[in-house]
Amino acid sequence: MYALVQVDESEDPLRLEYWFKYDLQRSDYERQFPKVLCFTVPVGIGYAVFPEETDKPARLLITGKQISFEGSVIAYPEESLNGWKAGLVQTIYKAERNAHYQGGLDRKVRLNTPYGPLMDGRSAPFYGPPVEPHNGKFSVYEDDEPNFEMPLKFGPNGADLERTSGEDHFCTFFVLAREQDKSIIELSRVRWRIVWDGTVTKLSITAS
């Protein structure tokens, strides 16, 4: 993609060439726990079953998919990117993760998004640390692998987990940002979601 961006009338427009892409693959997040039982359902979703511990009940971890983002920006001339940084901004539009147990018991975890999306990440306002230009070029890479954990039994009588439901909705933006005047230029965006629907049998899940 090519863009001519007028940020300030007192400056020459930014002449940019950029691209942004994403890739989906099976997450191996659960593999960092070597002493748990790990499985994969036919659609390529991973999960792990944790045994009961001193301070935690036996629980199920669904790891979903890993999504990775990669982007690049080149400016002409190179020095026009001085003072700018590139990075990803990620927002959460919906987060609802439900566990359903025998007897109609529900365990629901939600983020409060009715009044607008929430910022996601560890380097506010960016998802990850922004990058500086190198020879007039930015190269950005980040990945995310949301996961959902719940007890295998719930409630006063220890009802068994039967199924899961819910969805996470995200939007990831590829941006240029300049601190001196708080300018942000959106170059591209990707909307994506995770559906947590599934049914539970003995130590296995069948995706619905």
N, C-alpha and C. Protein backbone atom coordinates (compact mmCIF):
# COMPACT_ATOMS: atom_id res chain seq x y z
N MET A 1 0.83 -1.18 0.00
CA MET A 1 0.00 0.00 0.00
C MET A 1 0.88 1.25 0.00
N TYR A 2 0.40 2.29 -0.66
CA TYR A 2 1.09 3.57 -0.66
C TYR A 2 0.16 4.63 -0.08
N ALA A 3 0.74 5.59 0.63
CA ALA A 3 -0.08 6.64 1.24
C ALA A 3 0.69 7.95 1.24
N LEU A 4 -0.05 9.05 1.07
CA LEU A 4 0.48 10.40 1.20
C LEU A 4 -0.33 11.03 2.34
N VAL A 5 0.32 11.25 3.50
CA VAL A 5 -0.38 11.67 4.70
C VAL A 5 0.04 13.08 5.09
N GLN A 6 -0.94 13.99 5.17
CA GLN A 6 -0.68 15.36 5.61
C GLN A 6 -0.96 15.44 7.10
N VAL A 7 0.10 15.50 7.92
CA VAL A 7 -0.05 15.54 9.36
C VAL A 7 -0.20 16.97 9.85
N ASP A 8 0.61 17.87 9.30
CA ASP A 8 0.60 19.27 9.71
C ASP A 8 0.82 20.12 8.46
N GLU A 9 0.08 21.20 8.34
CA GLU A 9 0.20 22.05 7.15
C GLU A 9 1.58 22.69 7.04
N SER A 10 2.29 22.78 8.16
CA SER A 10 3.62 23.38 8.15
C SER A 10 4.70 22.37 7.73
N GLU A 11 4.33 21.11 7.53
CA GLU A 11 5.28 20.07 7.17
C GLU A 11 4.92 19.48 5.82
N ASP A 12 5.91 18.91 5.16
CA ASP A 12 5.65 18.18 3.94
C ASP A 12 4.87 16.90 4.28
N PRO A 13 4.00 16.46 3.38
CA PRO A 13 3.27 15.21 3.63
C PRO A 13 4.23 14.03 3.76
N LEU A 14 3.83 13.05 4.55
CA LEU A 14 4.60 11.81 4.67
C LEU A 14 4.28 10.92 3.47
N ARG A 15 5.30 10.49 2.76
CA ARG A 15 5.15 9.55 1.65
C ARG A 15 5.54 8.17 2.16
N LEU A 16 4.54 7.28 2.29
CA LEU A 16 4.75 6.00 2.95
C LEU A 16 4.42 4.83 2.03
N GLU A 17 5.18 3.78 2.19
CA GLU A 17 4.86 2.48 1.61
C GLU A 17 4.78 1.49 2.77
N TYR A 18 3.69 0.72 2.88
CA TYR A 18 3.55 -0.15 4.04
C TYR A 18 2.75 -1.40 3.68
N TRP A 19 2.88 -2.41 4.55
CA TRP A 19 2.05 -3.61 4.46
C TRP A 19 1.82 -4.15 5.86
N PHE A 20 0.73 -4.89 6.01
CA PHE A 20 0.34 -5.43 7.31
C PHE A 20 -0.37 -6.75 7.07
N LYS A 21 0.03 -7.79 7.77
CA LYS A 21 -0.59 -9.10 7.59
C LYS A 21 -0.69 -9.83 8.92
N TYR A 22 -1.54 -10.87 8.94
CA TYR A 22 -1.66 -11.68 10.14
C TYR A 22 -1.64 -13.15 9.76
N ASP A 23 -1.37 -14.00 10.76
CA ASP A 23 -1.29 -15.44 10.53
C ASP A 23 -1.89 -16.16 11.73
N LEU A 24 -2.65 -17.22 11.47
CA LEU A 24 -3.26 -18.03 12.53
C LEU A 24 -2.58 -19.39 12.59
N GLN A 25 -2.33 -19.86 13.79
CA GLN A 25 -1.79 -21.19 13.97
C GLN A 25 -2.21 -21.73 15.34
N ARG A 26 -2.01 -23.02 15.55
CA ARG A 26 -2.37 -23.61 16.82
C ARG A 26 -1.48 -23.05 17.93
N SER A 27 -2.09 -22.60 19.00
CA SER A 27 -1.32 -22.13 20.14
C SER A 27 -0.72 -23.32 20.89
N ASP A 28 0.49 -23.17 21.39
CA ASP A 28 1.08 -24.20 22.24
C ASP A 28 1.30 -23.66 23.66
N TYR A 29 0.46 -22.72 24.05
CA TYR A 29 0.59 -22.08 25.36
C TYR A 29 0.61 -23.11 26.49
N GLU A 30 -0.24 -24.15 26.37
CA GLU A 30 -0.33 -25.13 27.46
C GLU A 30 0.93 -25.96 27.60
N ARG A 31 1.79 -25.95 26.57
CA ARG A 31 3.01 -26.77 26.62
C ARG A 31 4.03 -26.24 27.63
N GLN A 32 3.81 -25.02 28.12
CA GLN A 32 4.75 -24.50 29.12
C GLN A 32 4.50 -25.11 30.50
N PHE A 33 3.46 -25.93 30.62
CA PHE A 33 3.17 -26.62 31.89
C PHE A 33 3.47 -28.10 31.69
N PRO A 34 4.68 -28.56 31.99
CA PRO A 34 5.11 -29.90 31.60
C PRO A 34 4.43 -31.05 32.34
N LYS A 35 3.77 -30.78 33.46
CA LYS A 35 3.20 -31.87 34.26
C LYS A 35 1.69 -31.98 34.12
N VAL A 36 1.12 -31.42 33.08
CA VAL A 36 -0.33 -31.50 32.89
C VAL A 36 -0.65 -32.31 31.65
N LEU A 37 -1.89 -32.81 31.57
CA LEU A 37 -2.34 -33.54 30.40
C LEU A 37 -2.74 -32.56 29.31
N CYS A 38 -2.15 -32.70 28.12
CA CYS A 38 -2.42 -31.78 27.01
C CYS A 38 -3.08 -32.53 25.86
N PHE A 39 -4.04 -31.87 25.20
CA PHE A 39 -4.81 -32.50 24.14
C PHE A 39 -5.02 -31.50 23.01
N THR A 40 -5.49 -32.02 21.87
CA THR A 40 -5.88 -31.18 20.74
C THR A 40 -7.17 -31.74 20.15
N VAL A 41 -8.16 -30.88 19.91
CA VAL A 41 -9.39 -31.32 19.26
C VAL A 41 -9.19 -31.25 17.74
N PRO A 42 -10.06 -31.89 16.95
CA PRO A 42 -9.84 -31.96 15.49
C PRO A 42 -9.69 -30.61 14.80
N VAL A 43 -10.31 -29.55 15.34
CA VAL A 43 -10.21 -28.25 14.68
C VAL A 43 -8.91 -27.52 15.02
N GLY A 44 -8.01 -28.18 15.75
CA GLY A 44 -6.71 -27.59 16.03
C GLY A 44 -6.66 -26.69 17.25
N ILE A 45 -7.62 -26.87 18.18
CA ILE A 45 -7.63 -26.11 19.43
C ILE A 45 -6.97 -26.95 20.51
N GLY A 46 -6.07 -26.36 21.26
CA GLY A 46 -5.39 -27.07 22.32
C GLY A 46 -6.06 -26.84 23.68
N TYR A 47 -5.91 -27.81 24.57
CA TYR A 47 -6.38 -27.63 25.94
C TYR A 47 -5.56 -28.50 26.87
N ALA A 48 -5.63 -28.16 28.15
CA ALA A 48 -4.88 -28.89 29.16
C ALA A 48 -5.75 -29.09 30.39
N VAL A 49 -5.54 -30.22 31.08
CA VAL A 49 -6.26 -30.52 32.32
C VAL A 49 -5.26 -30.49 33.46
N PHE A 50 -5.47 -29.57 34.40
CA PHE A 50 -4.59 -29.42 35.54
C PHE A 50 -5.13 -30.22 36.72
N PRO A 51 -4.28 -30.97 37.41
CA PRO A 51 -4.74 -31.69 38.61
C PRO A 51 -4.98 -30.72 39.76
N GLU A 52 -5.68 -31.19 40.77
CA GLU A 52 -5.92 -30.37 41.96
C GLU A 52 -4.61 -30.05 42.66
N GLU A 53 -4.47 -28.82 43.10
CA GLU A 53 -3.29 -28.38 43.84
C GLU A 53 -3.70 -27.89 45.22
N THR A 54 -2.74 -27.56 46.05
CA THR A 54 -3.03 -27.14 47.42
C THR A 54 -3.96 -25.94 47.47
N ASP A 55 -3.73 -24.97 46.60
CA ASP A 55 -4.51 -23.74 46.63
C ASP A 55 -5.42 -23.57 45.41
N LYS A 56 -5.52 -24.61 44.55
CA LYS A 56 -6.35 -24.50 43.34
C LYS A 56 -7.06 -25.83 43.08
N PRO A 57 -8.30 -25.74 42.58
CA PRO A 57 -9.01 -26.98 42.22
C PRO A 57 -8.50 -27.52 40.88
N ALA A 58 -8.89 -28.75 40.57
CA ALA A 58 -8.61 -29.27 39.22
C ALA A 58 -9.31 -28.37 38.21
N ARG A 59 -8.66 -28.08 37.10
CA ARG A 59 -9.21 -27.09 36.19
C ARG A 59 -8.84 -27.42 34.74
N LEU A 60 -9.59 -26.78 33.85
CA LEU A 60 -9.41 -26.95 32.41
C LEU A 60 -8.90 -25.64 31.82
N LEU A 61 -7.92 -25.72 30.94
CA LEU A 61 -7.39 -24.56 30.24
C LEU A 61 -7.58 -24.77 28.74
N ILE A 62 -8.32 -23.85 28.09
CA ILE A 62 -8.47 -23.87 26.63
C ILE A 62 -7.57 -22.78 26.07
N THR A 63 -6.74 -23.12 25.10
CA THR A 63 -5.74 -22.16 24.63
C THR A 63 -6.09 -21.50 23.31
N GLY A 64 -7.12 -21.98 22.63
CA GLY A 64 -7.53 -21.31 21.40
C GLY A 64 -6.45 -21.32 20.34
N LYS A 65 -6.41 -20.27 19.56
CA LYS A 65 -5.43 -20.12 18.48
C LYS A 65 -4.44 -19.01 18.82
N GLN A 66 -3.28 -19.07 18.21
CA GLN A 66 -2.33 -17.97 18.29
C GLN A 66 -2.44 -17.15 17.01
N ILE A 67 -2.54 -15.83 17.17
CA ILE A 67 -2.57 -14.94 16.01
C ILE A 67 -1.33 -14.06 16.07
N SER A 68 -0.64 -13.94 14.95
CA SER A 68 0.56 -13.12 14.89
C SER A 68 0.39 -12.04 13.84
N PHE A 69 0.97 -10.88 14.12
CA PHE A 69 0.86 -9.72 13.23
C PHE A 69 2.27 -9.28 12.81
N GLU A 70 2.39 -8.90 11.57
CA GLU A 70 3.67 -8.42 11.06
C GLU A 70 3.42 -7.25 10.12
N GLY A 71 4.20 -6.19 10.29
CA GLY A 71 4.01 -5.02 9.45
C GLY A 71 5.32 -4.32 9.14
N SER A 72 5.29 -3.50 8.11
CA SER A 72 6.48 -2.76 7.70
C SER A 72 6.05 -1.41 7.13
N VAL A 73 6.85 -0.38 7.41
CA VAL A 73 6.61 0.96 6.87
C VAL A 73 7.93 1.51 6.34
N ILE A 74 7.92 2.04 5.14
CA ILE A 74 9.07 2.71 4.56
C ILE A 74 8.65 4.13 4.19
N ALA A 75 9.48 5.10 4.53
CA ALA A 75 9.18 6.50 4.21
C ALA A 75 10.14 7.02 3.16
N TYR A 76 9.64 7.96 2.36
CA TYR A 76 10.46 8.63 1.35
C TYR A 76 10.30 10.13 1.53
N PRO A 77 11.35 10.87 1.84
CA PRO A 77 12.71 10.40 2.13
C PRO A 77 12.79 9.77 3.53
N GLU A 78 13.89 9.08 3.81
CA GLU A 78 14.05 8.34 5.06
C GLU A 78 13.90 9.24 6.29
N GLU A 79 14.49 10.44 6.24
CA GLU A 79 14.50 11.29 7.42
C GLU A 79 13.12 11.82 7.81
N SER A 80 12.12 11.65 6.95
CA SER A 80 10.79 12.15 7.28
C SER A 80 10.16 11.36 8.43
N LEU A 81 10.72 10.20 8.79
CA LEU A 81 10.20 9.41 9.91
C LEU A 81 10.86 9.76 11.23
N ASN A 82 11.78 10.71 11.23
CA ASN A 82 12.41 11.12 12.48
C ASN A 82 11.35 11.61 13.46
N GLY A 83 11.39 11.11 14.67
CA GLY A 83 10.41 11.49 15.69
C GLY A 83 9.19 10.58 15.74
N TRP A 84 9.05 9.70 14.77
CA TRP A 84 7.91 8.79 14.73
C TRP A 84 8.29 7.41 15.26
N LYS A 85 7.30 6.71 15.79
CA LYS A 85 7.44 5.31 16.18
C LYS A 85 6.29 4.54 15.57
N ALA A 86 6.50 3.24 15.39
CA ALA A 86 5.46 2.37 14.85
C ALA A 86 5.12 1.29 15.86
N GLY A 87 3.88 0.84 15.84
CA GLY A 87 3.48 -0.22 16.75
C GLY A 87 2.06 -0.64 16.50
N LEU A 88 1.59 -1.55 17.36
CA LEU A 88 0.23 -2.05 17.28
C LEU A 88 -0.57 -1.55 18.48
N VAL A 89 -1.79 -1.16 18.22
CA VAL A 89 -2.75 -0.81 19.27
C VAL A 89 -3.87 -1.84 19.19
N GLN A 90 -4.17 -2.51 20.30
CA GLN A 90 -5.20 -3.54 20.29
C GLN A 90 -6.31 -3.19 21.27
N THR A 91 -7.55 -3.33 20.82
CA THR A 91 -8.70 -3.02 21.66
C THR A 91 -9.61 -4.24 21.78
N ILE A 92 -10.28 -4.33 22.92
CA ILE A 92 -11.21 -5.41 23.21
C ILE A 92 -12.63 -4.86 23.13
N TYR A 93 -13.43 -5.41 22.22
CA TYR A 93 -14.80 -4.96 22.04
C TYR A 93 -15.79 -5.83 22.81
N LYS A 94 -15.40 -7.06 23.08
CA LYS A 94 -16.24 -7.97 23.85
C LYS A 94 -15.38 -9.06 24.43
N ALA A 95 -15.64 -9.45 25.68
CA ALA A 95 -14.94 -10.57 26.29
C ALA A 95 -15.92 -11.26 27.23
N GLU A 96 -16.36 -12.43 26.83
CA GLU A 96 -17.33 -13.20 27.62
C GLU A 96 -16.92 -14.66 27.59
N ARG A 97 -16.60 -15.20 28.76
CA ARG A 97 -16.13 -16.58 28.87
C ARG A 97 -16.96 -17.29 29.94
N ASN A 98 -17.78 -18.24 29.50
CA ASN A 98 -18.74 -18.89 30.39
C ASN A 98 -18.44 -20.38 30.52
N ALA A 99 -18.59 -20.90 31.74
CA ALA A 99 -18.49 -22.33 32.01
C ALA A 99 -19.83 -22.78 32.57
N HIS A 100 -20.38 -23.86 32.00
CA HIS A 100 -21.70 -24.35 32.39
C HIS A 100 -21.57 -25.74 33.01
N TYR A 101 -22.24 -25.94 34.17
CA TYR A 101 -22.09 -27.15 34.97
C TYR A 101 -23.42 -27.89 35.12
N GLN A 102 -23.33 -29.14 35.55
CA GLN A 102 -24.53 -29.94 35.78
C GLN A 102 -25.47 -29.22 36.74
N GLY A 103 -26.77 -29.38 36.51
CA GLY A 103 -27.75 -28.75 37.38
C GLY A 103 -28.04 -27.31 37.04
N GLY A 104 -27.55 -26.84 35.90
CA GLY A 104 -27.83 -25.47 35.48
C GLY A 104 -26.97 -24.40 36.13
N LEU A 105 -25.86 -24.79 36.73
CA LEU A 105 -24.96 -23.80 37.34
C LEU A 105 -24.07 -23.17 36.26
N ASP A 106 -23.89 -21.86 36.35
CA ASP A 106 -23.06 -21.13 35.38
C ASP A 106 -21.98 -20.34 36.11
N ARG A 107 -20.81 -20.32 35.52
CA ARG A 107 -19.72 -19.48 36.01
C ARG A 107 -19.35 -18.56 34.85
N LYS A 108 -19.59 -17.24 35.01
CA LYS A 108 -19.42 -16.31 33.90
C LYS A 108 -18.34 -15.28 34.23
N VAL A 109 -17.46 -15.07 33.26
CA VAL A 109 -16.41 -14.05 33.39
C VAL A 109 -16.54 -13.10 32.21
N ARG A 110 -16.72 -11.80 32.50
CA ARG A 110 -16.91 -10.82 31.44
C ARG A 110 -16.11 -9.56 31.74
N LEU A 111 -15.67 -8.89 30.69
CA LEU A 111 -15.09 -7.56 30.83
C LEU A 111 -16.17 -6.53 30.53
N ASN A 112 -16.11 -5.40 31.20
CA ASN A 112 -17.15 -4.37 31.08
C ASN A 112 -16.88 -3.50 29.85
N THR A 113 -17.56 -3.83 28.74
CA THR A 113 -17.35 -3.10 27.49
C THR A 113 -18.58 -2.34 26.97
N PRO A 114 -19.71 -2.27 27.70
CA PRO A 114 -20.87 -1.56 27.15
C PRO A 114 -20.62 -0.08 26.84
N TYR A 115 -19.65 0.54 27.52
CA TYR A 115 -19.40 1.96 27.32
C TYR A 115 -18.23 2.23 26.38
N GLY A 116 -17.77 1.19 25.70
CA GLY A 116 -16.70 1.37 24.74
C GLY A 116 -15.63 0.30 24.88
N PRO A 117 -14.78 0.15 23.86
CA PRO A 117 -13.74 -0.88 23.89
C PRO A 117 -12.68 -0.58 24.94
N LEU A 118 -12.00 -1.64 25.38
CA LEU A 118 -10.94 -1.54 26.37
C LEU A 118 -9.59 -1.72 25.71
N MET A 119 -8.59 -1.04 26.23
CA MET A 119 -7.24 -1.17 25.69
C MET A 119 -6.65 -2.50 26.15
N ASP A 120 -5.94 -3.16 25.24
CA ASP A 120 -5.28 -4.42 25.54
C ASP A 120 -3.79 -4.26 25.35
N GLY A 121 -3.00 -4.95 26.15
CA GLY A 121 -1.55 -4.90 25.97
C GLY A 121 -0.81 -4.50 27.22
N ARG A 122 0.51 -4.35 27.06
CA ARG A 122 1.40 -4.14 28.20
C ARG A 122 2.25 -2.88 28.07
N SER A 123 2.04 -2.08 27.02
CA SER A 123 2.87 -0.89 26.79
C SER A 123 1.97 0.27 26.35
N ALA A 124 1.03 0.64 27.21
CA ALA A 124 0.01 1.64 26.86
C ALA A 124 0.61 2.86 26.16
N PRO A 125 -0.05 3.33 25.09
CA PRO A 125 -1.28 2.80 24.49
C PRO A 125 -1.05 1.66 23.51
N PHE A 126 0.21 1.22 23.36
CA PHE A 126 0.53 0.17 22.41
C PHE A 126 0.33 -1.21 23.05
N TYR A 127 0.10 -2.20 22.20
CA TYR A 127 -0.02 -3.58 22.67
C TYR A 127 1.34 -4.07 23.18
N GLY A 128 2.37 -3.84 22.40
CA GLY A 128 3.75 -4.13 22.80
C GLY A 128 4.59 -2.89 22.61
N PRO A 129 5.85 -2.88 23.03
CA PRO A 129 6.68 -1.70 22.89
C PRO A 129 6.77 -1.23 21.43
N PRO A 130 6.60 0.07 21.16
CA PRO A 130 6.74 0.57 19.79
C PRO A 130 8.19 0.49 19.34
N VAL A 131 8.40 0.57 18.03
CA VAL A 131 9.76 0.46 17.48
C VAL A 131 10.17 1.77 16.83
N GLU A 132 11.47 2.01 16.82
CA GLU A 132 12.07 3.18 16.17
C GLU A 132 12.41 2.83 14.71
N PRO A 133 12.48 3.83 13.84
CA PRO A 133 12.83 3.53 12.44
C PRO A 133 14.30 3.14 12.32
N HIS A 134 14.59 2.28 11.36
CA HIS A 134 15.97 1.89 11.05
C HIS A 134 16.16 2.07 9.56
N ASN A 135 17.04 3.00 9.20
CA ASN A 135 17.27 3.33 7.79
C ASN A 135 15.97 3.69 7.07
N GLY A 136 15.14 4.46 7.78
CA GLY A 136 13.89 4.91 7.18
C GLY A 136 12.81 3.86 7.10
N LYS A 137 12.95 2.77 7.86
CA LYS A 137 11.99 1.68 7.78
C LYS A 137 11.62 1.19 9.17
N PHE A 138 10.33 0.90 9.37
CA PHE A 138 9.85 0.25 10.59
C PHE A 138 9.52 -1.20 10.28
N SER A 139 9.85 -2.10 11.21
CA SER A 139 9.41 -3.49 11.12
C SER A 139 8.80 -3.87 12.46
N VAL A 140 7.55 -4.33 12.45
CA VAL A 140 6.80 -4.61 13.67
C VAL A 140 6.34 -6.06 13.67
N TYR A 141 6.45 -6.71 14.84
CA TYR A 141 5.92 -8.07 15.00
C TYR A 141 5.37 -8.22 16.42
N GLU A 142 4.17 -8.78 16.54
CA GLU A 142 3.57 -9.11 17.84
C GLU A 142 2.69 -10.34 17.65
N ASP A 143 2.44 -11.07 18.73
CA ASP A 143 1.48 -12.16 18.67
C ASP A 143 0.63 -12.19 19.93
N ASP A 144 -0.49 -12.89 19.86
CA ASP A 144 -1.42 -12.99 20.97
C ASP A 144 -2.02 -14.39 20.95
N GLU A 145 -2.23 -14.97 22.12
CA GLU A 145 -2.86 -16.29 22.22
C GLU A 145 -3.77 -16.32 23.45
N PRO A 146 -4.98 -15.74 23.34
CA PRO A 146 -5.91 -15.73 24.47
C PRO A 146 -6.20 -17.14 24.98
N ASN A 147 -6.45 -17.26 26.27
CA ASN A 147 -6.75 -18.57 26.87
C ASN A 147 -7.84 -18.41 27.92
N PHE A 148 -8.48 -19.50 28.24
CA PHE A 148 -9.69 -19.52 29.06
C PHE A 148 -9.55 -20.67 30.06
N GLU A 149 -9.54 -20.35 31.36
CA GLU A 149 -9.35 -21.36 32.41
C GLU A 149 -10.58 -21.41 33.31
N MET A 150 -10.99 -22.63 33.71
CA MET A 150 -12.15 -22.78 34.58
C MET A 150 -12.02 -24.07 35.40
N PRO A 151 -12.62 -24.12 36.61
CA PRO A 151 -12.57 -25.35 37.40
C PRO A 151 -13.40 -26.46 36.77
N LEU A 152 -12.97 -27.71 36.96
CA LEU A 152 -13.71 -28.85 36.44
C LEU A 152 -14.98 -29.11 37.23
N LYS A 153 -15.00 -28.68 38.50
CA LYS A 153 -16.18 -28.81 39.35
C LYS A 153 -16.48 -27.44 39.95
N PHE A 154 -17.78 -27.16 40.18
CA PHE A 154 -18.18 -25.83 40.63
C PHE A 154 -19.42 -25.92 41.51
N GLY A 155 -19.53 -24.99 42.44
CA GLY A 155 -20.71 -24.93 43.29
C GLY A 155 -20.55 -25.73 44.57
N PRO A 156 -21.52 -25.60 45.49
CA PRO A 156 -21.41 -26.25 46.81
C PRO A 156 -21.37 -27.77 46.75
N ASN A 157 -21.94 -28.35 45.69
CA ASN A 157 -21.98 -29.81 45.57
C ASN A 157 -20.98 -30.35 44.56
N GLY A 158 -20.12 -29.48 44.04
CA GLY A 158 -19.10 -29.93 43.09
C GLY A 158 -19.67 -30.44 41.78
N ALA A 159 -20.54 -29.64 41.15
CA ALA A 159 -21.14 -30.04 39.88
C ALA A 159 -20.09 -30.12 38.78
N ASP A 160 -20.21 -31.12 37.90
CA ASP A 160 -19.23 -31.34 36.84
C ASP A 160 -19.41 -30.35 35.69
N LEU A 161 -18.30 -29.94 35.10
CA LEU A 161 -18.30 -29.08 33.93
C LEU A 161 -18.90 -29.83 32.73
N GLU A 162 -19.88 -29.19 32.04
CA GLU A 162 -20.52 -29.81 30.89
C GLU A 162 -20.18 -29.14 29.57
N ARG A 163 -20.10 -27.82 29.57
CA ARG A 163 -19.84 -27.14 28.31
C ARG A 163 -19.28 -25.73 28.58
N THR A 164 -18.82 -25.09 27.53
CA THR A 164 -18.31 -23.72 27.59
C THR A 164 -18.98 -22.88 26.51
N SER A 165 -19.01 -21.58 26.70
CA SER A 165 -19.57 -20.68 25.70
C SER A 165 -18.94 -19.31 25.85
N GLY A 166 -19.27 -18.43 24.91
CA GLY A 166 -18.77 -17.05 24.97
C GLY A 166 -17.92 -16.71 23.76
N GLU A 167 -17.59 -15.43 23.66
CA GLU A 167 -16.77 -14.93 22.55
C GLU A 167 -15.89 -13.79 23.02
N ASP A 168 -14.71 -13.67 22.41
CA ASP A 168 -13.84 -12.50 22.56
C ASP A 168 -13.77 -11.81 21.20
N HIS A 169 -13.92 -10.48 21.19
CA HIS A 169 -13.83 -9.70 19.95
C HIS A 169 -12.72 -8.65 20.10
N PHE A 170 -11.81 -8.62 19.16
CA PHE A 170 -10.68 -7.71 19.19
C PHE A 170 -10.57 -6.93 17.88
N CYS A 171 -9.85 -5.82 17.94
CA CYS A 171 -9.41 -5.14 16.73
C CYS A 171 -7.97 -4.69 16.96
N THR A 172 -7.09 -5.03 16.03
CA THR A 172 -5.68 -4.69 16.14
C THR A 172 -5.32 -3.68 15.05
N PHE A 173 -4.76 -2.54 15.46
CA PHE A 173 -4.45 -1.44 14.56
C PHE A 173 -2.93 -1.33 14.38
N PHE A 174 -2.51 -1.09 13.16
CA PHE A 174 -1.10 -0.82 12.85
C PHE A 174 -0.99 0.69 12.70
N VAL A 175 -0.17 1.34 13.55
CA VAL A 175 -0.17 2.80 13.59
C VAL A 175 1.25 3.36 13.62
N LEU A 176 1.35 4.62 13.20
CA LEU A 176 2.52 5.46 13.45
C LEU A 176 2.13 6.47 14.52
N ALA A 177 3.04 6.78 15.45
CA ALA A 177 2.74 7.72 16.52
C ALA A 177 3.92 8.65 16.74
N ARG A 178 3.60 9.92 17.07
CA ARG A 178 4.64 10.90 17.34
C ARG A 178 4.33 11.57 18.67
N GLU A 179 5.27 11.50 19.59
CA GLU A 179 5.05 11.99 20.95
C GLU A 179 4.93 13.50 21.01
N GLN A 180 5.72 14.23 20.23
CA GLN A 180 5.80 15.68 20.39
C GLN A 180 4.46 16.40 20.21
N ASP A 181 3.61 15.89 19.34
CA ASP A 181 2.30 16.52 19.14
C ASP A 181 1.15 15.54 19.29
N LYS A 182 1.45 14.34 19.86
CA LYS A 182 0.43 13.31 20.12
C LYS A 182 -0.29 12.87 18.84
N SER A 183 0.40 12.89 17.72
CA SER A 183 -0.21 12.48 16.45
C SER A 183 -0.20 10.96 16.33
N ILE A 184 -1.30 10.40 15.84
CA ILE A 184 -1.39 8.97 15.56
C ILE A 184 -1.96 8.80 14.16
N ILE A 185 -1.29 8.01 13.34
CA ILE A 185 -1.75 7.72 11.98
C ILE A 185 -2.09 6.23 11.91
N GLU A 186 -3.34 5.92 11.63
CA GLU A 186 -3.73 4.53 11.44
C GLU A 186 -3.42 4.11 10.01
N LEU A 187 -2.63 3.05 9.88
CA LEU A 187 -2.27 2.54 8.56
C LEU A 187 -3.19 1.39 8.13
N SER A 188 -3.50 0.50 9.08
CA SER A 188 -4.32 -0.65 8.74
C SER A 188 -4.90 -1.23 10.03
N ARG A 189 -5.88 -2.14 9.87
CA ARG A 189 -6.48 -2.78 11.03
C ARG A 189 -6.98 -4.18 10.68
N VAL A 190 -7.08 -5.02 11.71
CA VAL A 190 -7.62 -6.37 11.57
C VAL A 190 -8.61 -6.59 12.70
N ARG A 191 -9.84 -6.96 12.35
CA ARG A 191 -10.82 -7.36 13.36
C ARG A 191 -10.81 -8.88 13.45
N TRP A 192 -10.83 -9.41 14.67
CA TRP A 192 -10.80 -10.85 14.84
C TRP A 192 -11.53 -11.25 16.11
N ARG A 193 -11.90 -12.52 16.20
CA ARG A 193 -12.64 -13.00 17.36
C ARG A 193 -12.30 -14.45 17.67
N ILE A 194 -12.62 -14.85 18.88
CA ILE A 194 -12.48 -16.23 19.33
C ILE A 194 -13.83 -16.67 19.89
N VAL A 195 -14.32 -17.83 19.45
CA VAL A 195 -15.56 -18.40 19.98
C VAL A 195 -15.19 -19.53 20.93
N TRP A 196 -15.69 -19.47 22.15
CA TRP A 196 -15.31 -20.42 23.19
C TRP A 196 -16.32 -21.57 23.34
N ASP A 197 -17.24 -21.76 22.40
CA ASP A 197 -18.28 -22.78 22.52
C ASP A 197 -17.68 -24.18 22.42
N GLY A 198 -18.04 -25.03 23.34
CA GLY A 198 -17.59 -26.42 23.30
C GLY A 198 -18.35 -27.26 24.31
N THR A 199 -18.37 -28.58 24.11
CA THR A 199 -18.97 -29.51 25.06
C THR A 199 -17.88 -30.36 25.68
N VAL A 200 -18.08 -30.75 26.91
CA VAL A 200 -17.04 -31.42 27.67
C VAL A 200 -17.44 -32.86 27.96
N THR A 201 -16.53 -33.80 27.67
CA THR A 201 -16.70 -35.19 28.08
C THR A 201 -15.52 -35.52 29.00
N LYS A 202 -15.35 -36.75 29.32
CA LYS A 202 -14.28 -37.12 30.23
C LYS A 202 -12.92 -36.82 29.63
N LEU A 203 -12.25 -35.79 30.16
CA LEU A 203 -10.91 -35.37 29.76
C LEU A 203 -10.81 -35.05 28.27
N SER A 204 -11.91 -34.63 27.66
CA SER A 204 -11.85 -34.24 26.26
C SER A 204 -12.92 -33.20 25.96
N ILE A 205 -12.73 -32.48 24.84
CA ILE A 205 -13.69 -31.48 24.41
C ILE A 205 -14.04 -31.73 22.96
N THR A 206 -15.33 -31.61 22.64
CA THR A 206 -15.77 -31.65 21.26
C THR A 206 -16.23 -30.26 20.89
N ALA A 207 -15.56 -29.61 19.94
CA ALA A 207 -15.94 -28.24 19.56
C ALA A 207 -17.32 -28.26 18.95
N SER A 208 -18.16 -27.28 19.32
CA SER A 208 -19.52 -27.21 18.80
C SER A 208 -19.61 -26.32 17.58
